[in-house]
Amino acid sequence: MVKKYLSSLLIVSLLFVVGCDNSLTNSISDKFEKKPLELIKVEITFTDDEALIGYVTALGIEQEKGRVYIGGSSLNYLYDKNGNIIGAYNYQRVLYMKIINEEE
């Protein structure tokens, strides 16, 4: 009797999982999937006239990874062309950012 009950439960569960066509697992995995970064090549000029060339994900404070701390300081990341973090900078010290075309 128990064997019959377990096998019926297994068959119903299997039909449910197959019938869902992985829609449950796809919606969960979409949330954790890493999206490729959209990088913008820029020259960042700071208030002390130092300049850095690199890639950023936004021209302002980053929405997802950027941090603003009490007192006005912030943390943003500088990337290489492959999307690897190569540094960080304080947006409060940025004078301006100049967008650089890839052809230059």
PDB file of N, CA and C in Angstrom:
ATOM      1  N   MET A   1       0.820  -1.199   0.000  1.00  0.00           N
ATOM      2  CA  MET A   1       0.000   0.000   0.000  1.00  0.00           C
ATOM      3  C   MET A   1       0.863   1.264   0.000  1.00  0.00           C
ATOM      4  N   VAL A   2       1.882   1.271   0.871  1.00  0.00           N
ATOM      5  CA  VAL A   2       2.775   2.427   0.955  1.00  0.00           C
ATOM      6  C   VAL A   2       3.559   2.582  -0.343  1.00  0.00           C
ATOM      7  N   LYS A   3       3.957   1.447  -0.913  1.00  0.00           N
ATOM      8  CA  LYS A   3       4.693   1.479  -2.176  1.00  0.00           C
ATOM      9  C   LYS A   3       3.844   2.092  -3.286  1.00  0.00           C
ATOM     10  N   LYS A   4       2.582   1.729  -3.318  1.00  0.00           N
ATOM     11  CA  LYS A   4       1.666   2.248  -4.322  1.00  0.00           C
ATOM     12  C   LYS A   4       1.482   3.758  -4.149  1.00  0.00           C
ATOM     13  N   TYR A   5       1.351   4.189  -2.907  1.00  0.00           N
ATOM     14  CA  TYR A   5       1.165   5.613  -2.607  1.00  0.00           C
ATOM     15  C   TYR A   5       2.395   6.424  -3.020  1.00  0.00           C
ATOM     16  N   LEU A   6       3.585   5.925  -2.678  1.00  0.00           N
ATOM     17  CA  LEU A   6       4.821   6.629  -3.029  1.00  0.00           C
ATOM     18  C   LEU A   6       5.033   6.684  -4.539  1.00  0.00           C
ATOM     19  N   SER A   7       4.748   5.587  -5.226  1.00  0.00           N
ATOM     20  CA  SER A   7       4.931   5.591  -6.683  1.00  0.00           C
ATOM     21  C   SER A   7       3.925   6.528  -7.353  1.00  0.00           C
ATOM     22  N   SER A   8       2.691   6.584  -6.836  1.00  0.00           N
ATOM     23  CA  SER A   8       1.701   7.524  -7.384  1.00  0.00           C
ATOM     24  C   SER A   8       2.129   8.965  -7.152  1.00  0.00           C
ATOM     25  N   LEU A   9       2.624   9.232  -5.964  1.00  0.00           N
ATOM     26  CA  LEU A   9       3.103  10.580  -5.634  1.00  0.00           C
ATOM     27  C   LEU A   9       4.284  10.967  -6.521  1.00  0.00           C
ATOM     28  N   LEU A  10       5.170  10.027  -6.763  1.00  0.00           N
ATOM     29  CA  LEU A  10       6.324  10.272  -7.623  1.00  0.00           C
ATOM     30  C   LEU A  10       5.885  10.569  -9.056  1.00  0.00           C
ATOM     31  N   ILE A  11       4.929   9.820  -9.563  1.00  0.00           N
ATOM     32  CA  ILE A  11       4.446  10.031 -10.930  1.00  0.00           C
ATOM     33  C   ILE A  11       3.759  11.385 -11.062  1.00  0.00           C
ATOM     34  N   VAL A  12       2.930  11.744 -10.085  1.00  0.00           N
ATOM     35  CA  VAL A  12       2.246  13.040 -10.124  1.00  0.00           C
ATOM     36  C   VAL A  12       3.261  14.180 -10.047  1.00  0.00           C
ATOM     37  N   SER A  13       4.257  14.036  -9.177  1.00  0.00           N
ATOM     38  CA  SER A  13       5.298  15.069  -9.063  1.00  0.00           C
ATOM     39  C   SER A  13       6.080  15.202 -10.361  1.00  0.00           C
ATOM     40  N   LEU A  14       6.406  14.077 -10.961  1.00  0.00           N
ATOM     41  CA  LEU A  14       7.145  14.084 -12.217  1.00  0.00           C
ATOM     42  C   LEU A  14       6.340  14.758 -13.324  1.00  0.00           C
ATOM     43  N   LEU A  15       5.043  14.448 -13.401  1.00  0.00           N
ATOM     44  CA  LEU A  15       4.189  15.084 -14.400  1.00  0.00           C
ATOM     45  C   LEU A  15       4.092  16.592 -14.168  1.00  0.00           C
ATOM     46  N   PHE A  16       4.038  16.992 -12.922  1.00  0.00           N
ATOM     47  CA  PHE A  16       3.969  18.420 -12.596  1.00  0.00           C
ATOM     48  C   PHE A  16       5.241  19.142 -13.033  1.00  0.00           C
ATOM     49  N   VAL A  17       6.380  18.556 -12.728  1.00  0.00           N
ATOM     50  CA  VAL A  17       7.659  19.184 -13.078  1.00  0.00           C
ATOM     51  C   VAL A  17       7.836  19.235 -14.590  1.00  0.00           C
ATOM     52  N   VAL A  18       7.528  18.157 -15.283  1.00  0.00           N
ATOM     53  CA  VAL A  18       7.662  18.125 -16.740  1.00  0.00           C
ATOM     54  C   VAL A  18       6.646  19.061 -17.388  1.00  0.00           C
ATOM     55  N   GLY A  19       5.451  19.119 -16.847  1.00  0.00           N
ATOM     56  CA  GLY A  19       4.403  19.972 -17.400  1.00  0.00           C
ATOM     57  C   GLY A  19       4.691  21.447 -17.245  1.00  0.00           C
ATOM     58  N   CYS A  20       5.489  21.806 -16.251  1.00  0.00           N
ATOM     59  CA  CYS A  20       5.818  23.221 -16.039  1.00  0.00           C
ATOM     60  C   CYS A  20       6.809  23.734 -17.065  1.00  0.00           C
ATOM     61  N   ASP A  21       7.464  22.835 -17.799  1.00  0.00           N
ATOM     62  CA  ASP A  21       8.419  23.222 -18.837  1.00  0.00           C
ATOM     63  C   ASP A  21       9.511  24.125 -18.275  1.00  0.00           C
ATOM     64  N   ASN A  22       9.926  23.861 -17.058  1.00  0.00           N
ATOM     65  CA  ASN A  22      11.006  24.590 -16.382  1.00  0.00           C
ATOM     66  C   ASN A  22      10.713  26.064 -16.187  1.00  0.00           C
ATOM     67  N   SER A  23       9.475  26.464 -16.239  1.00  0.00           N
ATOM     68  CA  SER A  23       9.163  27.883 -16.049  1.00  0.00           C
ATOM     69  C   SER A  23       9.458  28.334 -14.626  1.00  0.00           C
ATOM     70  N   LEU A  24       9.339  27.436 -13.661  1.00  0.00           N
ATOM     71  CA  LEU A  24       9.650  27.800 -12.277  1.00  0.00           C
ATOM     72  C   LEU A  24      11.148  28.019 -12.106  1.00  0.00           C
ATOM     73  N   THR A  25      11.943  27.105 -12.622  1.00  0.00           N
ATOM     74  CA  THR A  25      13.387  27.236 -12.457  1.00  0.00           C
ATOM     75  C   THR A  25      13.945  28.364 -13.313  1.00  0.00           C
ATOM     76  N   ASN A  26      13.348  28.640 -14.471  1.00  0.00           N
ATOM     77  CA  ASN A  26      13.834  29.733 -15.316  1.00  0.00           C
ATOM     78  C   ASN A  26      13.635  31.081 -14.650  1.00  0.00           C
ATOM     79  N   SER A  27      12.494  31.287 -14.006  1.00  0.00           N
ATOM     80  CA  SER A  27      12.252  32.580 -13.366  1.00  0.00           C
ATOM     81  C   SER A  27      13.188  32.790 -12.187  1.00  0.00           C
ATOM     82  N   ILE A  28      13.537  31.721 -11.492  1.00  0.00           N
ATOM     83  CA  ILE A  28      14.466  31.845 -10.367  1.00  0.00           C
ATOM     84  C   ILE A  28      15.876  32.092 -10.882  1.00  0.00           C
ATOM     85  N   SER A  29      16.300  31.357 -11.905  1.00  0.00           N
ATOM     86  CA  SER A  29      17.664  31.512 -12.410  1.00  0.00           C
ATOM     87  C   SER A  29      17.869  32.854 -13.103  1.00  0.00           C
ATOM     88  N   ASP A  30      16.805  33.448 -13.673  1.00  0.00           N
ATOM     89  CA  ASP A  30      16.930  34.761 -14.313  1.00  0.00           C
ATOM     90  C   ASP A  30      17.327  35.834 -13.311  1.00  0.00           C
ATOM     91  N   LYS A  31      16.887  35.695 -12.071  1.00  0.00           N
ATOM     92  CA  LYS A  31      17.207  36.685 -11.048  1.00  0.00           C
ATOM     93  C   LYS A  31      18.684  36.657 -10.685  1.00  0.00           C
ATOM     94  N   PHE A  32      19.303  35.481 -10.780  1.00  0.00           N
ATOM     95  CA  PHE A  32      20.692  35.335 -10.375  1.00  0.00           C
ATOM     96  C   PHE A  32      21.666  35.348 -11.546  1.00  0.00           C
ATOM     97  N   GLU A  33      21.152  35.446 -12.769  1.00  0.00           N
ATOM     98  CA  GLU A  33      22.013  35.468 -13.942  1.00  0.00           C
ATOM     99  C   GLU A  33      22.782  36.769 -14.002  1.00  0.00           C
ATOM    100  N   LYS A  34      24.067  36.684 -14.291  1.00  0.00           N
ATOM    101  CA  LYS A  34      24.893  37.881 -14.403  1.00  0.00           C
ATOM    102  C   LYS A  34      24.712  38.491 -15.776  1.00  0.00           C
ATOM    103  N   LYS A  35      24.302  39.727 -15.803  1.00  0.00           N
ATOM    104  CA  LYS A  35      24.149  40.426 -17.074  1.00  0.00           C
ATOM    105  C   LYS A  35      25.478  41.087 -17.416  1.00  0.00           C
ATOM    106  N   PRO A  36      25.856  41.090 -18.691  1.00  0.00           N
ATOM    107  CA  PRO A  36      27.106  41.750 -19.057  1.00  0.00           C
ATOM    108  C   PRO A  36      27.017  43.252 -18.795  1.00  0.00           C
ATOM    109  N   LEU A  37      28.106  43.807 -18.299  1.00  0.00           N
ATOM    110  CA  LEU A  37      28.138  45.238 -18.002  1.00  0.00           C
ATOM    111  C   LEU A  37      28.182  46.046 -19.289  1.00  0.00           C
ATOM    112  N   GLU A  38      27.425  47.123 -19.321  1.00  0.00           N
ATOM    113  CA  GLU A  38      27.513  48.062 -20.428  1.00  0.00           C
ATOM    114  C   GLU A  38      28.523  49.122 -20.002  1.00  0.00           C
ATOM    115  N   LEU A  39      29.705  49.048 -20.575  1.00  0.00           N
ATOM    116  CA  LEU A  39      30.798  49.915 -20.147  1.00  0.00           C
ATOM    117  C   LEU A  39      30.949  51.114 -21.075  1.00  0.00           C
ATOM    118  N   ILE A  40      31.255  52.249 -20.484  1.00  0.00           N
ATOM    119  CA  ILE A  40      31.481  53.492 -21.211  1.00  0.00           C
ATOM    120  C   ILE A  40      32.934  53.891 -20.967  1.00  0.00           C
ATOM    121  N   LYS A  41      33.695  54.079 -22.043  1.00  0.00           N
ATOM    122  CA  LYS A  41      35.087  54.492 -21.894  1.00  0.00           C
ATOM    123  C   LYS A  41      35.124  55.989 -21.628  1.00  0.00           C
ATOM    124  N   VAL A  42      35.799  56.378 -20.534  1.00  0.00           N
ATOM    125  CA  VAL A  42      35.834  57.783 -20.137  1.00  0.00           C
ATOM    126  C   VAL A  42      37.228  58.185 -19.672  1.00  0.00           C
ATOM    127  N   GLU A  43      37.438  59.479 -19.708  1.00  0.00           N
ATOM    128  CA  GLU A  43      38.597  60.080 -19.048  1.00  0.00           C
ATOM    129  C   GLU A  43      38.033  60.868 -17.872  1.00  0.00           C
ATOM    130  N   ILE A  44      38.402  60.466 -16.665  1.00  0.00           N
ATOM    131  CA  ILE A  44      37.906  61.119 -15.456  1.00  0.00           C
ATOM    132  C   ILE A  44      38.947  62.125 -14.997  1.00  0.00           C
ATOM    133  N   THR A  45      38.544  63.375 -14.872  1.00  0.00           N
ATOM    134  CA  THR A  45      39.429  64.417 -14.359  1.00  0.00           C
ATOM    135  C   THR A  45      38.966  64.771 -12.952  1.00  0.00           C
ATOM    136  N   PHE A  46      39.911  64.737 -12.020  1.00  0.00           N
ATOM    137  CA  PHE A  46      39.602  64.989 -10.617  1.00  0.00           C
ATOM    138  C   PHE A  46      39.898  66.439 -10.254  1.00  0.00           C
ATOM    139  N   THR A  47      39.490  66.845  -9.066  1.00  0.00           N
ATOM    140  CA  THR A  47      39.651  68.234  -8.628  1.00  0.00           C
ATOM    141  C   THR A  47      41.113  68.637  -8.480  1.00  0.00           C
ATOM    142  N   ASP A  48      42.026  67.683  -8.354  1.00  0.00           N
ATOM    143  CA  ASP A  48      43.456  68.011  -8.275  1.00  0.00           C
ATOM    144  C   ASP A  48      44.132  67.920  -9.641  1.00  0.00           C
ATOM    145  N   ASP A  49      43.347  67.948 -10.721  1.00  0.00           N
ATOM    146  CA  ASP A  49      43.794  67.905 -12.120  1.00  0.00           C
ATOM    147  C   ASP A  49      44.462  66.591 -12.521  1.00  0.00           C
ATOM    148  N   GLU A  50      44.330  65.555 -11.719  1.00  0.00           N
ATOM    149  CA  GLU A  50      44.779  64.222 -12.121  1.00  0.00           C
ATOM    150  C   GLU A  50      43.711  63.628 -13.034  1.00  0.00           C
ATOM    151  N   ALA A  51      44.133  62.814 -13.999  1.00  0.00           N
ATOM    152  CA  ALA A  51      43.179  62.209 -14.935  1.00  0.00           C
ATOM    153  C   ALA A  51      43.411  60.703 -15.012  1.00  0.00           C
ATOM    154  N   LEU A  52      42.333  59.967 -15.148  1.00  0.00           N
ATOM    155  CA  LEU A  52      42.379  58.519 -15.328  1.00  0.00           C
ATOM    156  C   LEU A  52      41.554  58.154 -16.552  1.00  0.00           C
ATOM    157  N   ILE A  53      42.015  57.172 -17.295  1.00  0.00           N
ATOM    158  CA  ILE A  53      41.236  56.648 -18.412  1.00  0.00           C
ATOM    159  C   ILE A  53      40.840  55.229 -18.051  1.00  0.00           C
ATOM    160  N   GLY A  54      39.569  54.943 -18.197  1.00  0.00           N
ATOM    161  CA  GLY A  54      39.049  53.620 -17.879  1.00  0.00           C
ATOM    162  C   GLY A  54      37.612  53.515 -18.330  1.00  0.00           C
ATOM    163  N   TYR A  55      36.939  52.522 -17.827  1.00  0.00           N
ATOM    164  CA  TYR A  55      35.547  52.276 -18.184  1.00  0.00           C
ATOM    165  C   TYR A  55      34.677  52.381 -16.942  1.00  0.00           C
ATOM    166  N   VAL A  56      33.490  52.948 -17.105  1.00  0.00           N
ATOM    167  CA  VAL A  56      32.512  53.046 -16.026  1.00  0.00           C
ATOM    168  C   VAL A  56      31.184  52.493 -16.539  1.00  0.00           C
ATOM    169  N   THR A  57      30.286  52.186 -15.613  1.00  0.00           N
ATOM    170  CA  THR A  57      28.970  51.682 -16.012  1.00  0.00           C
ATOM    171  C   THR A  57      27.942  52.792 -16.083  1.00  0.00           C
ATOM    172  N   ALA A  58      28.243  53.939 -15.492  1.00  0.00           N
ATOM    173  CA  ALA A  58      27.316  55.071 -15.506  1.00  0.00           C
ATOM    174  C   ALA A  58      28.129  56.350 -15.384  1.00  0.00           C
ATOM    175  N   LEU A  59      27.573  57.447 -15.870  1.00  0.00           N
ATOM    176  CA  LEU A  59      28.283  58.720 -15.787  1.00  0.00           C
ATOM    177  C   LEU A  59      28.019  59.435 -14.472  1.00  0.00           C
ATOM    178  N   GLY A  60      27.167  58.895 -13.653  1.00  0.00           N
ATOM    179  CA  GLY A  60      26.908  59.432 -12.319  1.00  0.00           C
ATOM    180  C   GLY A  60      27.260  58.371 -11.299  1.00  0.00           C
ATOM    181  N   ILE A  61      26.650  58.445 -10.151  1.00  0.00           N
ATOM    182  CA  ILE A  61      26.874  57.424  -9.134  1.00  0.00           C
ATOM    183  C   ILE A  61      26.153  56.158  -9.571  1.00  0.00           C
ATOM    184  N   GLU A  62      26.861  55.042  -9.545  1.00  0.00           N
ATOM    185  CA  GLU A  62      26.305  53.779 -10.010  1.00  0.00           C
ATOM    186  C   GLU A  62      25.093  53.391  -9.180  1.00  0.00           C
ATOM    187  N   GLN A  63      24.042  52.939  -9.843  1.00  0.00           N
ATOM    188  CA  GLN A  63      22.803  52.582  -9.154  1.00  0.00           C
ATOM    189  C   GLN A  63      22.942  51.296  -8.353  1.00  0.00           C
ATOM    190  N   GLU A  64      23.604  50.289  -8.913  1.00  0.00           N
ATOM    191  CA  GLU A  64      23.657  48.993  -8.245  1.00  0.00           C
ATOM    192  C   GLU A  64      24.855  48.847  -7.324  1.00  0.00           C
ATOM    193  N   LYS A  65      26.032  49.248  -7.783  1.00  0.00           N
ATOM    194  CA  LYS A  65      27.239  49.000  -7.003  1.00  0.00           C
ATOM    195  C   LYS A  65      27.781  50.242  -6.321  1.00  0.00           C
ATOM    196  N   GLY A  66      27.327  51.407  -6.739  1.00  0.00           N
ATOM    197  CA  GLY A  66      27.824  52.639  -6.146  1.00  0.00           C
ATOM    198  C   GLY A  66      27.300  52.824  -4.735  1.00  0.00           C
ATOM    199  N   ARG A  67      28.071  53.480  -3.893  1.00  0.00           N
ATOM    200  CA  ARG A  67      27.685  53.723  -2.506  1.00  0.00           C
ATOM    201  C   ARG A  67      27.875  55.197  -2.191  1.00  0.00           C
ATOM    202  N   VAL A  68      26.914  55.773  -1.482  1.00  0.00           N
ATOM    203  CA  VAL A  68      27.042  57.139  -0.995  1.00  0.00           C
ATOM    204  C   VAL A  68      27.063  57.057   0.522  1.00  0.00           C
ATOM    205  N   TYR A  69      28.086  57.626   1.125  1.00  0.00           N
ATOM    206  CA  TYR A  69      28.247  57.571   2.570  1.00  0.00           C
ATOM    207  C   TYR A  69      27.859  58.900   3.199  1.00  0.00           C
ATOM    208  N   ILE A  70      27.562  58.871   4.480  1.00  0.00           N
ATOM    209  CA  ILE A  70      27.216  60.088   5.216  1.00  0.00           C
ATOM    210  C   ILE A  70      28.385  61.058   5.110  1.00  0.00           C
ATOM    211  N   GLY A  71      28.092  62.298   4.807  1.00  0.00           N
ATOM    212  CA  GLY A  71      29.141  63.297   4.644  1.00  0.00           C
ATOM    213  C   GLY A  71      29.412  63.594   3.185  1.00  0.00           C
ATOM    214  N   GLY A  72      28.782  62.851   2.278  1.00  0.00           N
ATOM    215  CA  GLY A  72      28.885  63.173   0.867  1.00  0.00           C
ATOM    216  C   GLY A  72      29.885  62.363   0.072  1.00  0.00           C
ATOM    217  N   SER A  73      30.719  61.573   0.721  1.00  0.00           N
ATOM    218  CA  SER A  73      31.676  60.794  -0.064  1.00  0.00           C
ATOM    219  C   SER A  73      30.959  59.616  -0.720  1.00  0.00           C
ATOM    220  N   SER A  74      31.571  59.068  -1.735  1.00  0.00           N
ATOM    221  CA  SER A  74      30.955  57.966  -2.473  1.00  0.00           C
ATOM    222  C   SER A  74      32.032  57.005  -2.939  1.00  0.00           C
ATOM    223  N   LEU A  75      31.609  55.861  -3.396  1.00  0.00           N
ATOM    224  CA  LEU A  75      32.527  54.862  -3.921  1.00  0.00           C
ATOM    225  C   LEU A  75      31.977  54.360  -5.240  1.00  0.00           C
ATOM    226  N   ASN A  76      32.756  54.491  -6.293  1.00  0.00           N
ATOM    227  CA  ASN A  76      32.407  53.979  -7.616  1.00  0.00           C
ATOM    228  C   ASN A  76      33.598  53.199  -8.140  1.00  0.00           C
ATOM    229  N   TYR A  77      33.321  52.270  -9.041  1.00  0.00           N
ATOM    230  CA  TYR A  77      34.378  51.407  -9.548  1.00  0.00           C
ATOM    231  C   TYR A  77      34.805  51.809 -10.950  1.00  0.00           C
ATOM    232  N   LEU A  78      36.084  51.605 -11.225  1.00  0.00           N
ATOM    233  CA  LEU A  78      36.677  51.817 -12.537  1.00  0.00           C
ATOM    234  C   LEU A  78      37.012  50.435 -13.089  1.00  0.00           C
ATOM    235  N   TYR A  79      36.632  50.179 -14.344  1.00  0.00           N
ATOM    236  CA  TYR A  79      36.787  48.859 -14.950  1.00  0.00           C
ATOM    237  C   TYR A  79      37.765  48.908 -16.113  1.00  0.00           C
ATOM    238  N   ASP A  80      38.321  47.732 -16.463  1.00  0.00           N
ATOM    239  CA  ASP A  80      39.056  47.621 -17.717  1.00  0.00           C
ATOM    240  C   ASP A  80      38.052  47.254 -18.808  1.00  0.00           C
ATOM    241  N   LYS A  81      38.516  47.083 -20.047  1.00  0.00           N
ATOM    242  CA  LYS A  81      37.577  46.849 -21.148  1.00  0.00           C
ATOM    243  C   LYS A  81      36.900  45.481 -21.068  1.00  0.00           C
ATOM    244  N   ASN A  82      37.415  44.585 -20.235  1.00  0.00           N
ATOM    245  CA  ASN A  82      36.808  43.266 -20.066  1.00  0.00           C
ATOM    246  C   ASN A  82      35.800  43.217 -18.921  1.00  0.00           C
ATOM    247  N   GLY A  83      35.615  44.337 -18.221  1.00  0.00           N
ATOM    248  CA  GLY A  83      34.655  44.384 -17.125  1.00  0.00           C
ATOM    249  C   GLY A  83      35.230  44.026 -15.774  1.00  0.00           C
ATOM    250  N   ASN A  84      36.551  43.892 -15.677  1.00  0.00           N
ATOM    251  CA  ASN A  84      37.192  43.605 -14.393  1.00  0.00           C
ATOM    252  C   ASN A  84      37.438  44.911 -13.644  1.00  0.00           C
ATOM    253  N   ILE A  85      37.188  44.912 -12.346  1.00  0.00           N
ATOM    254  CA  ILE A  85      37.412  46.111 -11.540  1.00  0.00           C
ATOM    255  C   ILE A  85      38.913  46.333 -11.403  1.00  0.00           C
ATOM    256  N   ILE A  86      39.367  47.534 -11.783  1.00  0.00           N
ATOM    257  CA  ILE A  86      40.793  47.852 -11.674  1.00  0.00           C
ATOM    258  C   ILE A  86      41.048  48.972 -10.676  1.00  0.00           C
ATOM    259  N   GLY A  87      39.994  49.564 -10.158  1.00  0.00           N
ATOM    260  CA  GLY A  87      40.169  50.633  -9.182  1.00  0.00           C
ATOM    261  C   GLY A  87      38.835  51.167  -8.702  1.00  0.00           C
ATOM    262  N   ALA A  88      38.926  52.100  -7.776  1.00  0.00           N
ATOM    263  CA  ALA A  88      37.729  52.754  -7.241  1.00  0.00           C
ATOM    264  C   ALA A  88      38.047  54.231  -7.088  1.00  0.00           C
ATOM    265  N   TYR A  89      37.014  55.063  -7.141  1.00  0.00           N
ATOM    266  CA  TYR A  89      37.220  56.499  -6.984  1.00  0.00           C
ATOM    267  C   TYR A  89      36.059  57.103  -6.218  1.00  0.00           C
ATOM    268  N   ASN A  90      36.331  58.259  -5.622  1.00  0.00           N
ATOM    269  CA  ASN A  90      35.329  59.002  -4.867  1.00  0.00           C
ATOM    270  C   ASN A  90      34.698  60.013  -5.808  1.00  0.00           C
ATOM    271  N   TYR A  91      33.405  59.885  -6.051  1.00  0.00           N
ATOM    272  CA  TYR A  91      32.723  60.759  -7.001  1.00  0.00           C
ATOM    273  C   TYR A  91      32.746  62.213  -6.545  1.00  0.00           C
ATOM    274  N   GLN A  92      32.897  62.447  -5.248  1.00  0.00           N
ATOM    275  CA  GLN A  92      32.944  63.815  -4.728  1.00  0.00           C
ATOM    276  C   GLN A  92      34.169  64.562  -5.270  1.00  0.00           C
ATOM    277  N   ARG A  93      35.222  63.841  -5.614  1.00  0.00           N
ATOM    278  CA  ARG A  93      36.454  64.452  -6.113  1.00  0.00           C
ATOM    279  C   ARG A  93      36.492  64.573  -7.635  1.00  0.00           C
ATOM    280  N   VAL A  94      35.459  64.109  -8.328  1.00  0.00           N
ATOM    281  CA  VAL A  94      35.426  64.155  -9.795  1.00  0.00           C
ATOM    282  C   VAL A  94      35.031  65.551 -10.249  1.00  0.00           C
ATOM    283  N   LEU A  95      35.863  66.139 -11.117  1.00  0.00           N
ATOM    284  CA  LEU A  95      35.551  67.436 -11.701  1.00  0.00           C
ATOM    285  C   LEU A  95      34.643  67.241 -12.921  1.00  0.00           C
ATOM    286  N   TYR A  96      35.046  66.344 -13.827  1.00  0.00           N
ATOM    287  CA  TYR A  96      34.203  66.002 -14.978  1.00  0.00           C
ATOM    288  C   TYR A  96      34.663  64.679 -15.577  1.00  0.00           C
ATOM    289  N   MET A  97      33.782  64.110 -16.403  1.00  0.00           N
ATOM    290  CA  MET A  97      34.093  62.895 -17.159  1.00  0.00           C
ATOM    291  C   MET A  97      33.911  63.194 -18.637  1.00  0.00           C
ATOM    292  N   LYS A  98      34.892  62.806 -19.422  1.00  0.00           N
ATOM    293  CA  LYS A  98      34.824  62.984 -20.869  1.00  0.00           C
ATOM    294  C   LYS A  98      34.675  61.603 -21.497  1.00  0.00           C
ATOM    295  N   ILE A  99      33.628  61.436 -22.308  1.00  0.00           N
ATOM    296  CA  ILE A  99      33.411  60.162 -22.986  1.00  0.00           C
ATOM    297  C   ILE A  99      34.403  60.049 -24.135  1.00  0.00           C
ATOM    298  N   ILE A 100      35.075  58.905 -24.203  1.00  0.00           N
ATOM    299  CA  ILE A 100      36.072  58.660 -25.244  1.00  0.00           C
ATOM    300  C   ILE A 100      35.514  57.613 -26.202  1.00  0.00           C
ATOM    301  N   ASN A 101      35.545  57.903 -27.494  1.00  0.00           N
ATOM    302  CA  ASN A 101      35.136  56.920 -28.495  1.00  0.00           C
ATOM    303  C   ASN A 101      36.178  55.823 -28.554  1.00  0.00           C
ATOM    304  N   GLU A 102      35.749  54.608 -28.821  1.00  0.00           N
ATOM    305  CA  GLU A 102      36.667  53.472 -28.895  1.00  0.00           C
ATOM    306  C   GLU A 102      37.684  53.630 -30.020  1.00  0.00           C
ATOM    307  N   GLU A 103      37.358  54.385 -31.072  1.00  0.00           N
ATOM    308  CA  GLU A 103      38.256  54.557 -32.205  1.00  0.00           C
ATOM    309  C   GLU A 103      39.453  55.432 -31.855  1.00  0.00           C
ATOM    310  N   GLU A 104      39.318  56.280 -30.845  1.00  0.00           N
ATOM    311  CA  GLU A 104      40.402  57.226 -30.510  1.00  0.00           C
ATOM    312  C   GLU A 104      41.568  56.525 -29.861  1.00  0.00           C
TER     313      GLU A 104
END
